[in-house]
């Protein structure tokens, strides 16, 4: 299993990014969370198999229609056990 942490910069808050990310992650069978960060970015933490995580990463580089992603920082880590039970929005 893999653990992926993303920090997404640009016009990414208030454009349904969190909702769409959560929906896709659940469809891909991933667990983790997405949340707004005070600096205007988003943090996405996801765990699961590598291929679904790569699909989520590719989607996050574009985002939903109204988003304007400027850059995405990614950090990968291999994990033995999943840290989360589901994928959710953190407030």
N, C-alpha and C. Protein backbone atom coordinates (compact mmCIF):
# COMPACT_ATOMS: atom_id res chain seq x y z
N UNK A 1 0.84 -1.18 0.00
CA UNK A 1 0.00 0.00 0.00
C UNK A 1 0.89 1.25 0.00
N UNK A 2 0.32 2.29 -0.56
CA UNK A 2 1.04 3.56 -0.66
C UNK A 2 0.27 4.66 0.08
N UNK A 3 1.02 5.64 0.55
CA UNK A 3 0.47 6.83 1.21
C UNK A 3 0.92 8.01 0.37
N UNK A 4 -0.02 8.82 -0.09
CA UNK A 4 0.26 9.98 -0.93
C UNK A 4 -0.25 11.24 -0.25
N UNK A 5 0.64 12.22 -0.10
CA UNK A 5 0.26 13.52 0.44
C UNK A 5 0.45 14.55 -0.66
N UNK A 6 -0.59 15.33 -0.94
CA UNK A 6 -0.55 16.37 -1.96
C UNK A 6 -0.84 17.72 -1.33
N UNK A 7 -0.15 18.73 -1.80
CA UNK A 7 -0.49 20.11 -1.45
C UNK A 7 -0.75 20.78 -2.79
N UNK A 8 -1.96 21.31 -2.96
CA UNK A 8 -2.41 21.84 -4.24
C UNK A 8 -2.59 23.34 -4.10
N UNK A 9 -1.90 24.09 -4.97
CA UNK A 9 -1.92 25.55 -4.93
C UNK A 9 -2.66 26.10 -6.14
N UNK A 10 -3.25 27.27 -5.97
CA UNK A 10 -3.97 27.95 -7.05
C UNK A 10 -5.36 28.33 -6.58
N UNK A 11 -6.26 28.51 -7.53
CA UNK A 11 -7.66 28.77 -7.21
C UNK A 11 -8.32 27.41 -7.02
N UNK A 12 -8.21 26.90 -5.80
CA UNK A 12 -8.66 25.53 -5.54
C UNK A 12 -9.67 25.43 -4.40
N UNK A 13 -9.88 26.51 -3.68
CA UNK A 13 -10.90 26.50 -2.63
C UNK A 13 -12.18 27.13 -3.18
N UNK A 14 -13.31 26.68 -2.68
CA UNK A 14 -14.62 27.20 -3.08
C UNK A 14 -14.97 26.95 -4.54
N UNK A 15 -14.40 25.92 -5.14
CA UNK A 15 -14.76 25.55 -6.51
C UNK A 15 -15.10 24.05 -6.58
N UNK A 16 -15.64 23.53 -5.49
CA UNK A 16 -16.08 22.13 -5.38
C UNK A 16 -14.93 21.14 -5.48
N UNK A 17 -13.70 21.59 -5.28
CA UNK A 17 -12.54 20.70 -5.37
C UNK A 17 -12.61 19.60 -4.32
N UNK A 18 -12.95 19.97 -3.09
CA UNK A 18 -13.01 18.97 -2.01
C UNK A 18 -14.08 17.92 -2.30
N UNK A 19 -15.26 18.36 -2.73
CA UNK A 19 -16.35 17.42 -3.01
C UNK A 19 -15.99 16.47 -4.14
N UNK A 20 -15.46 17.02 -5.22
CA UNK A 20 -15.11 16.20 -6.38
C UNK A 20 -13.95 15.25 -6.07
N UNK A 21 -12.98 15.71 -5.29
CA UNK A 21 -11.87 14.86 -4.90
C UNK A 21 -12.36 13.70 -4.05
N UNK A 22 -13.24 13.99 -3.11
CA UNK A 22 -13.80 12.95 -2.24
C UNK A 22 -14.57 11.92 -3.06
N UNK A 23 -15.39 12.38 -3.97
CA UNK A 23 -16.18 11.48 -4.82
C UNK A 23 -15.27 10.56 -5.63
N UNK A 24 -14.24 11.12 -6.27
CA UNK A 24 -13.33 10.32 -7.09
C UNK A 24 -12.56 9.33 -6.22
N UNK A 25 -12.02 9.79 -5.10
CA UNK A 25 -11.24 8.91 -4.22
C UNK A 25 -12.06 7.72 -3.76
N UNK A 26 -13.31 7.94 -3.43
CA UNK A 26 -14.19 6.84 -3.01
C UNK A 26 -14.41 5.86 -4.16
N UNK A 27 -14.63 6.38 -5.37
CA UNK A 27 -14.81 5.51 -6.54
C UNK A 27 -13.57 4.67 -6.81
N UNK A 28 -12.39 5.25 -6.51
CA UNK A 28 -11.13 4.55 -6.74
C UNK A 28 -10.76 3.61 -5.60
N UNK A 29 -11.58 3.58 -4.54
CA UNK A 29 -11.32 2.69 -3.42
C UNK A 29 -10.23 3.19 -2.47
N UNK A 30 -10.00 4.49 -2.44
CA UNK A 30 -8.97 5.08 -1.59
C UNK A 30 -9.56 5.55 -0.28
N UNK A 31 -8.71 5.69 0.73
CA UNK A 31 -9.09 6.24 2.02
C UNK A 31 -8.19 7.43 2.32
N UNK A 32 -8.68 8.35 3.16
CA UNK A 32 -7.89 9.53 3.50
C UNK A 32 -8.78 10.73 3.70
N UNK A 33 -8.25 11.92 3.33
CA UNK A 33 -9.04 13.14 3.50
C UNK A 33 -8.54 14.23 2.57
N UNK A 34 -9.38 15.26 2.44
CA UNK A 34 -9.02 16.49 1.76
C UNK A 34 -9.48 17.63 2.66
N UNK A 35 -8.66 18.69 2.74
CA UNK A 35 -9.06 19.82 3.58
C UNK A 35 -8.45 21.11 3.05
N UNK A 36 -9.15 22.22 3.34
CA UNK A 36 -8.64 23.55 3.03
C UNK A 36 -7.54 23.90 4.02
N UNK A 37 -6.51 24.59 3.52
CA UNK A 37 -5.42 25.08 4.35
C UNK A 37 -5.53 26.61 4.37
N UNK A 38 -5.15 27.22 5.48
CA UNK A 38 -5.30 28.66 5.68
C UNK A 38 -4.60 29.51 4.60
N UNK A 39 -3.55 28.97 3.98
CA UNK A 39 -2.84 29.75 2.95
C UNK A 39 -3.54 29.73 1.59
N UNK A 40 -4.74 29.12 1.51
CA UNK A 40 -5.50 29.08 0.26
C UNK A 40 -5.29 27.81 -0.55
N UNK A 41 -4.43 26.93 -0.07
CA UNK A 41 -4.18 25.67 -0.78
C UNK A 41 -5.10 24.58 -0.23
N UNK A 42 -4.99 23.40 -0.83
CA UNK A 42 -5.68 22.21 -0.35
C UNK A 42 -4.65 21.16 0.01
N UNK A 43 -4.96 20.36 1.02
CA UNK A 43 -4.15 19.20 1.34
C UNK A 43 -4.99 17.97 1.06
N UNK A 44 -4.41 17.03 0.33
CA UNK A 44 -5.06 15.76 0.06
C UNK A 44 -4.13 14.67 0.59
N UNK A 45 -4.65 13.82 1.44
CA UNK A 45 -3.90 12.67 1.95
C UNK A 45 -4.71 11.44 1.57
N UNK A 46 -4.08 10.54 0.83
CA UNK A 46 -4.80 9.35 0.37
C UNK A 46 -3.92 8.12 0.51
N UNK A 47 -4.57 7.00 0.77
CA UNK A 47 -3.86 5.73 0.88
C UNK A 47 -4.59 4.68 0.06
N UNK A 48 -3.81 3.76 -0.49
CA UNK A 48 -4.37 2.68 -1.28
C UNK A 48 -3.33 2.13 -2.22
N UNK A 49 -3.80 1.49 -3.28
CA UNK A 49 -2.92 0.92 -4.29
C UNK A 49 -2.34 2.03 -5.17
N UNK A 50 -1.17 1.79 -5.75
CA UNK A 50 -0.46 2.81 -6.50
C UNK A 50 -1.23 3.32 -7.72
N UNK A 51 -1.82 2.46 -8.52
CA UNK A 51 -2.51 2.90 -9.73
C UNK A 51 -3.68 3.84 -9.43
N UNK A 52 -4.58 3.50 -8.50
CA UNK A 52 -5.65 4.46 -8.17
C UNK A 52 -5.11 5.78 -7.62
N UNK A 53 -4.02 5.72 -6.85
CA UNK A 53 -3.42 6.95 -6.33
C UNK A 53 -2.88 7.81 -7.47
N UNK A 54 -2.29 7.18 -8.48
CA UNK A 54 -1.80 7.94 -9.63
C UNK A 54 -2.95 8.58 -10.39
N UNK A 55 -4.08 7.89 -10.48
CA UNK A 55 -5.25 8.47 -11.14
C UNK A 55 -5.76 9.68 -10.36
N UNK A 56 -5.77 9.59 -9.03
CA UNK A 56 -6.18 10.72 -8.20
C UNK A 56 -5.20 11.88 -8.38
N UNK A 57 -3.91 11.60 -8.41
CA UNK A 57 -2.89 12.63 -8.60
C UNK A 57 -3.09 13.34 -9.94
N UNK A 58 -3.29 12.58 -11.01
CA UNK A 58 -3.52 13.18 -12.34
C UNK A 58 -4.73 14.09 -12.32
N UNK A 59 -5.80 13.63 -11.67
CA UNK A 59 -7.01 14.46 -11.60
C UNK A 59 -6.76 15.73 -10.79
N UNK A 60 -6.02 15.62 -9.68
CA UNK A 60 -5.75 16.79 -8.83
C UNK A 60 -4.90 17.84 -9.55
N UNK A 61 -4.14 17.43 -10.53
CA UNK A 61 -3.32 18.39 -11.29
C UNK A 61 -4.19 19.27 -12.18
N UNK A 62 -5.43 18.85 -12.42
CA UNK A 62 -6.37 19.62 -13.24
C UNK A 62 -7.49 20.17 -12.38
N UNK A 63 -8.12 19.30 -11.60
CA UNK A 63 -9.21 19.70 -10.72
C UNK A 63 -10.52 19.87 -11.47
N UNK A 64 -11.56 20.28 -10.75
CA UNK A 64 -12.86 20.49 -11.39
C UNK A 64 -12.82 21.70 -12.31
N UNK A 65 -13.86 21.84 -13.08
CA UNK A 65 -13.93 22.85 -14.14
C UNK A 65 -13.57 24.27 -13.71
N UNK A 66 -14.00 24.72 -12.55
CA UNK A 66 -13.77 26.10 -12.13
C UNK A 66 -12.44 26.31 -11.41
N UNK A 67 -11.72 25.25 -11.14
CA UNK A 67 -10.44 25.37 -10.44
C UNK A 67 -9.34 25.83 -11.39
N UNK A 68 -8.32 26.44 -10.81
CA UNK A 68 -7.13 26.81 -11.58
C UNK A 68 -5.92 26.36 -10.77
N UNK A 69 -5.45 25.16 -11.05
CA UNK A 69 -4.33 24.58 -10.31
C UNK A 69 -3.04 25.18 -10.85
N UNK A 70 -2.25 25.77 -9.94
CA UNK A 70 -0.97 26.35 -10.33
C UNK A 70 0.17 25.35 -10.17
N UNK A 71 0.15 24.61 -9.07
CA UNK A 71 1.16 23.57 -8.88
C UNK A 71 0.69 22.58 -7.83
N UNK A 72 1.26 21.37 -7.90
CA UNK A 72 0.94 20.30 -6.96
C UNK A 72 2.26 19.73 -6.44
N UNK A 73 2.42 19.75 -5.12
CA UNK A 73 3.56 19.10 -4.49
C UNK A 73 3.10 17.73 -4.02
N UNK A 74 3.90 16.71 -4.30
CA UNK A 74 3.51 15.36 -3.93
C UNK A 74 4.60 14.68 -3.12
N UNK A 75 4.17 13.84 -2.19
CA UNK A 75 5.09 13.06 -1.37
C UNK A 75 4.52 11.65 -1.23
N UNK A 76 5.31 10.67 -1.63
CA UNK A 76 4.90 9.26 -1.59
C UNK A 76 5.62 8.55 -0.45
N UNK A 77 4.91 7.59 0.14
CA UNK A 77 5.49 6.77 1.20
C UNK A 77 4.82 5.41 1.16
N UNK A 78 5.60 4.36 1.34
CA UNK A 78 5.01 3.02 1.40
C UNK A 78 4.56 2.76 2.84
N UNK A 79 3.37 2.18 2.97
CA UNK A 79 2.84 1.88 4.30
C UNK A 79 2.41 0.41 4.35
N UNK A 80 2.46 -0.14 5.54
CA UNK A 80 2.02 -1.51 5.71
C UNK A 80 0.53 -1.61 5.96
N UNK A 81 0.03 -0.70 6.79
CA UNK A 81 -1.39 -0.70 7.14
C UNK A 81 -2.01 0.65 6.82
N UNK A 82 -3.27 0.65 6.45
CA UNK A 82 -3.96 1.89 6.16
C UNK A 82 -4.26 2.65 7.45
N UNK A 83 -4.11 3.96 7.39
CA UNK A 83 -4.33 4.80 8.57
C UNK A 83 -5.76 5.29 8.70
N UNK A 84 -6.56 5.15 7.64
CA UNK A 84 -7.91 5.71 7.60
C UNK A 84 -8.92 4.61 7.28
N UNK A 85 -10.18 4.86 7.62
CA UNK A 85 -11.24 3.90 7.33
C UNK A 85 -12.02 4.27 6.08
N UNK A 86 -12.03 5.55 5.73
CA UNK A 86 -12.78 6.03 4.56
C UNK A 86 -12.11 7.29 4.03
N UNK A 87 -12.67 7.86 2.97
CA UNK A 87 -12.18 9.13 2.44
C UNK A 87 -13.22 10.19 2.77
N UNK A 88 -12.76 11.30 3.36
CA UNK A 88 -13.72 12.31 3.81
C UNK A 88 -13.14 13.72 3.69
N UNK A 89 -14.01 14.68 3.83
CA UNK A 89 -13.61 16.08 3.87
C UNK A 89 -13.36 16.44 5.33
N UNK A 90 -12.22 17.03 5.60
CA UNK A 90 -11.94 17.53 6.96
C UNK A 90 -12.21 19.01 6.99
N UNK A 91 -12.85 19.46 8.05
CA UNK A 91 -13.17 20.88 8.21
C UNK A 91 -12.33 21.50 9.28
